[in-house]
Protein backbone atom coordinates (compact mmCIF):
# COMPACT_ATOMS: atom_id res chain seq x y z
CA MET A 1 0.00 0.00 0.00
CA ALA A 2 1.02 3.58 -0.48
CA THR A 3 2.65 5.52 2.32
CA GLU A 4 -0.23 8.02 2.09
CA LEU A 5 -3.58 6.32 2.14
CA ARG A 6 -5.04 6.99 -1.28
CA VAL A 7 -8.61 6.04 -2.09
CA GLY A 8 -9.82 4.98 -5.51
CA ILE A 9 -13.27 5.71 -6.93
CA VAL A 10 -14.75 4.17 -10.08
CA ASP A 11 -17.77 6.26 -11.06
CA SER A 12 -18.98 9.20 -13.18
CA GLY A 13 -16.21 11.61 -12.22
CA TYR A 14 -16.24 14.58 -9.86
CA ALA A 15 -17.39 18.19 -9.73
CA PRO A 16 -14.97 21.12 -10.22
CA ARG A 17 -15.58 22.21 -6.61
CA GLN A 18 -14.07 18.89 -5.46
CA ALA A 19 -10.80 19.29 -7.36
CA ALA A 20 -8.78 19.99 -4.21
CA TRP A 21 -9.61 16.49 -2.93
CA VAL A 22 -8.53 14.71 -6.11
CA HIS A 23 -4.97 13.45 -6.44
CA SER A 24 -5.41 12.12 -9.98
CA ALA A 25 -8.20 11.34 -12.44
CA ARG A 26 -8.64 9.57 -15.78
CA ARG A 27 -11.54 8.78 -18.08
CA PHE A 28 -12.07 5.36 -19.66
CA ARG A 29 -14.51 5.15 -22.57
CA LEU A 30 -15.25 2.96 -25.55
CA ASP A 31 -14.85 4.13 -29.13
CA GLY A 32 -16.62 1.32 -30.92
CA GLU A 33 -14.94 -1.71 -29.37
CA ALA A 34 -11.69 0.10 -28.60
CA LEU A 35 -10.87 1.32 -25.13
CA VAL A 36 -9.79 4.97 -24.91
CA GLU A 37 -8.02 6.48 -21.90
CA GLU A 38 -8.06 10.27 -21.68
CA GLU A 39 -8.43 13.25 -19.37
CA ALA A 40 -11.44 13.13 -17.07
CA GLN A 41 -14.43 15.36 -17.74
CA ALA A 42 -16.56 17.17 -15.19
CA ASP A 43 -19.23 14.90 -13.71
CA ALA A 44 -22.36 15.29 -15.85
CA LEU A 45 -24.49 12.81 -13.92
CA GLY A 46 -23.82 13.83 -10.31
CA HIS A 47 -23.40 10.27 -9.10
CA GLY A 48 -19.64 10.36 -8.68
CA THR A 49 -19.93 13.79 -7.07
CA ALA A 50 -22.29 12.38 -4.42
CA VAL A 51 -20.02 9.39 -3.83
CA LEU A 52 -16.96 11.62 -3.39
CA ASP A 53 -18.87 13.96 -1.05
CA THR A 54 -19.81 10.94 1.07
CA LEU A 55 -16.27 9.59 1.19
CA ALA A 56 -14.60 12.93 1.83
CA GLY A 57 -17.09 13.77 4.57
CA ALA A 58 -15.90 10.88 6.72
CA ALA A 59 -12.32 10.63 5.45
CA PRO A 60 -11.27 14.25 4.78
CA ARG A 61 -7.54 13.56 4.94
CA ALA A 62 -7.49 11.01 2.14
CA PRO A 63 -6.35 11.95 -1.38
CA PHE A 64 -8.72 10.49 -3.99
CA CYS A 65 -7.96 8.94 -7.36
CA VAL A 66 -11.01 9.08 -9.61
CA ALA A 67 -11.56 6.75 -12.56
CA GLN A 68 -14.43 7.94 -14.76
CA VAL A 69 -16.38 5.17 -16.51
CA PHE A 70 -19.71 6.98 -16.96
CA ALA A 71 -20.03 10.26 -18.84
CA GLU A 72 -23.30 11.66 -20.21
CA ARG A 73 -25.19 8.36 -19.99
CA TRP A 74 -25.73 5.62 -17.40
CA GLN A 75 -23.79 3.13 -19.47
CA THR A 76 -20.48 1.42 -18.91
CA SER A 77 -18.88 -1.95 -19.56
CA PRO A 78 -16.78 -4.57 -17.77
CA LEU A 79 -13.84 -3.54 -19.97
CA GLN A 80 -14.02 0.09 -18.83
CA ILE A 81 -14.36 -0.87 -15.16
CA ALA A 82 -11.47 -3.32 -15.47
CA ALA A 83 -9.25 -0.66 -17.06
CA ALA A 84 -10.20 1.73 -14.26
CA VAL A 85 -9.25 -0.84 -11.62
CA HIS A 86 -5.88 -1.51 -13.26
CA TRP A 87 -5.18 2.24 -13.39
CA LEU A 88 -6.05 2.55 -9.70
CA ILE A 89 -3.65 -0.27 -8.90
CA GLU A 90 -0.95 1.85 -10.58
CA GLN A 91 -2.02 4.80 -8.41
CA ARG A 92 -1.23 2.68 -5.33
CA VAL A 93 -4.59 3.14 -3.66
CA ALA A 94 -5.45 1.26 -0.47
CA LEU A 95 -9.18 0.90 -1.20
CA ILE A 96 -11.38 1.12 -4.28
CA ASN A 97 -15.02 2.17 -3.99
CA LEU A 98 -17.23 0.77 -6.75
CA SER A 99 -20.72 2.17 -6.26
CA LEU A 100 -21.86 0.43 -9.41
CA GLY A 101 -22.53 -3.01 -10.81
CA VAL A 102 -22.96 -4.79 -14.13
CA ARG A 103 -24.94 -7.96 -14.77
CA SER A 104 -22.26 -9.61 -16.87
CA ASP A 105 -19.45 -11.64 -15.33
CA ARG A 106 -16.52 -11.12 -17.67
CA PRO A 107 -13.00 -12.54 -17.29
CA VAL A 108 -11.44 -9.11 -17.90
CA LEU A 109 -13.27 -7.66 -14.88
CA ARG A 110 -12.77 -10.74 -12.71
CA ASP A 111 -9.02 -10.69 -13.44
CA ALA A 112 -8.75 -6.95 -12.69
CA CYS A 113 -10.38 -7.40 -9.29
CA ALA A 114 -8.11 -10.37 -8.56
CA ALA A 115 -5.08 -8.24 -9.46
CA ALA A 116 -6.25 -5.53 -7.07
CA ARG A 117 -6.70 -8.03 -4.26
CA ASP A 118 -3.25 -9.49 -4.96
CA ALA A 119 -1.87 -5.95 -4.60
CA GLY A 120 -3.41 -5.71 -1.12
CA ILE A 121 -6.19 -3.34 -2.18
CA LEU A 122 -9.59 -3.54 -0.50
CA LEU A 123 -12.55 -3.59 -2.88
CA CYS A 124 -15.95 -2.26 -1.76
CA ALA A 125 -18.81 -2.67 -4.23
CA SER A 126 -22.51 -1.92 -4.07
CA SER A 127 -25.03 -4.74 -4.28
CA PRO A 128 -28.81 -4.39 -4.70
CA ALA A 129 -31.00 -5.37 -1.76
CA GLN A 130 -32.98 -7.66 -4.06
CA GLY A 131 -32.67 -9.23 -7.48
CA GLU A 132 -29.94 -10.75 -9.58
CA PRO A 133 -26.29 -10.63 -8.44
CA VAL A 134 -24.07 -7.94 -9.92
CA PHE A 135 -20.36 -7.64 -10.54
CA PRO A 136 -17.84 -6.81 -9.18
CA ALA A 137 -19.73 -7.22 -5.86
CA SER A 138 -20.17 -10.95 -6.46
CA TYR A 139 -16.47 -11.69 -6.95
CA PRO A 140 -14.50 -13.40 -4.15
CA GLU A 141 -13.08 -11.17 -1.41
CA VAL A 142 -15.01 -8.10 -2.57
CA LEU A 143 -16.97 -6.48 0.27
CA ARG A 144 -20.62 -6.50 -0.87
CA ILE A 145 -22.46 -3.48 0.53
CA THR A 146 -26.12 -2.52 0.31
CA GLY A 147 -28.44 -0.02 1.95
CA ASP A 148 -29.90 -0.71 5.39
CA ALA A 149 -32.59 1.68 6.61
CA ARG A 150 -31.92 0.68 10.22
CA CYS A 151 -28.48 2.31 10.15
CA ALA A 152 -27.93 5.88 11.28
CA PRO A 153 -24.89 7.85 10.06
CA GLY A 154 -21.74 6.17 11.34
CA GLN A 155 -23.47 2.80 11.79
CA TRP A 156 -23.42 -0.35 9.71
CA SER A 157 -24.94 -3.82 9.81
CA TRP A 158 -23.43 -7.26 9.34
CA LEU A 159 -25.96 -8.89 7.02
CA ASN A 160 -24.12 -12.01 5.85
CA SER A 161 -26.93 -12.60 3.38
CA ALA A 162 -27.18 -13.85 -0.18
CA GLN A 163 -27.30 -10.22 -1.34
CA ALA A 164 -24.65 -8.48 0.74
CA ASP A 165 -22.07 -8.78 3.48
CA PHE A 166 -22.75 -5.42 5.13
CA GLY A 167 -25.35 -2.67 5.11
CA ALA A 168 -24.98 1.06 5.69
CA PRO A 169 -27.16 4.21 5.74
CA VAL A 170 -29.19 4.99 2.62
CA ALA A 171 -29.70 8.73 3.18
CA ALA A 172 -29.75 10.75 -0.04
CA VAL A 173 -26.67 12.77 -0.99
CA GLN A 174 -27.05 15.20 -3.92
CA GLY A 175 -30.16 13.27 -4.95
CA VAL A 176 -28.37 9.90 -5.00
CA VAL A 177 -29.74 7.26 -2.63
CA GLY A 178 -29.58 3.55 -1.93
CA ALA A 179 -26.77 1.00 -2.25
CA SER A 180 -24.48 3.46 -4.08
CA ILE A 181 -24.34 5.86 -1.14
CA ALA A 182 -24.36 3.02 1.38
CA CYS A 183 -21.25 1.61 -0.28
CA ALA A 184 -19.51 5.00 -0.17
CA ALA A 185 -20.56 5.55 3.45
CA LEU A 186 -19.08 2.25 4.61
CA SER A 187 -15.98 2.70 2.45
CA ALA A 188 -15.42 6.02 4.21
CA LEU A 189 -15.61 4.38 7.63
CA ILE A 190 -13.17 1.70 6.49
CA VAL A 191 -10.79 4.40 5.24
CA ASP A 192 -10.97 6.09 8.63
CA PHE A 193 -10.14 2.73 10.25
CA LEU A 194 -7.20 2.19 7.88
CA GLN A 195 -5.85 5.63 8.74
CA ARG A 196 -5.84 4.58 12.38
CA GLU A 197 -4.67 1.02 11.68
CA PRO A 198 -2.32 1.26 8.70
CA GLY A 199 -1.58 -2.05 7.04
CA ALA A 200 -4.80 -3.74 8.14
CA ASP A 201 -5.70 -6.41 5.58
CA LEU A 202 -9.10 -7.73 4.46
CA ALA A 203 -9.38 -10.23 7.32
CA VAL A 204 -8.67 -7.55 9.92
CA VAL A 205 -11.15 -5.15 8.33
CA GLN A 206 -13.85 -7.83 8.16
CA ALA A 207 -13.32 -8.72 11.82
CA TRP A 208 -13.56 -5.03 12.78
CA LEU A 209 -16.76 -4.60 10.78
CA ARG A 210 -18.36 -7.68 12.31
CA ALA A 211 -17.42 -6.65 15.83
CA GLY A 212 -18.67 -3.10 15.42
CA ALA A 213 -21.93 -3.78 13.58
CA ALA A 214 -24.98 -2.07 15.06
CA PHE A 215 -27.23 -4.79 13.64
CA VAL A 216 -26.63 -8.45 12.80
CA GLY A 217 -28.63 -10.22 10.13
CA PRO A 218 -31.03 -8.86 7.52
CA GLU A 219 -33.79 -6.51 8.52
CA ARG A 220 -36.98 -8.39 9.41
CA ARG A 221 -40.27 -6.78 8.52
CA GLY A 222 -43.78 -7.48 9.72
CA PRO A 223 -45.52 -7.89 13.10
CA ALA A 224 -43.84 -11.20 13.84
CA HIS A 225 -40.52 -9.41 14.06
CA ALA A 226 -41.65 -6.09 15.52
């Protein structure tokens, strides 16, 4: 890991007002079937802006490396995400926040996440509370994070469910809500922990999260569980 704890974000970019927080940034797009790497653009969707606000709010001392895989449309590919992950490995980040998911399991994305894990990088990815599994959240040793309405700011839950490992607050940030913000919120708390416990690996982080969870198990609804 880097001597300074850098944090990677794979998303839609960042807003100009956030430039002081950003150590480096690159855009990854497709031109036909060819991958193009170029200078990042200002965030046109607001999603990455909300994710960075959430991360920086709880981990203000961390320099961020932003990999832009969305631009004007909510469309990306496993190839773009994989290229972003490989670039973030080169940036020597300690953690990568992936508040996104694709339905397709592709070797290029699986291999990129494996390379990040082999480099000692923690991967935090959002996972929907219901429905089909998404990637990269469903890959081995990726922390699967979803929204949990029981959690207040600064809290998280240990779900250990088919959908997710942990849950975190779902409060809206810049109009973005749900698993995307929950993932960023828990990533921020993990970054704060890593700043206090430099060198902590995945097993140590998982043990800390399990021990500190405000809730254990999925939320139960209905009068039988009131």
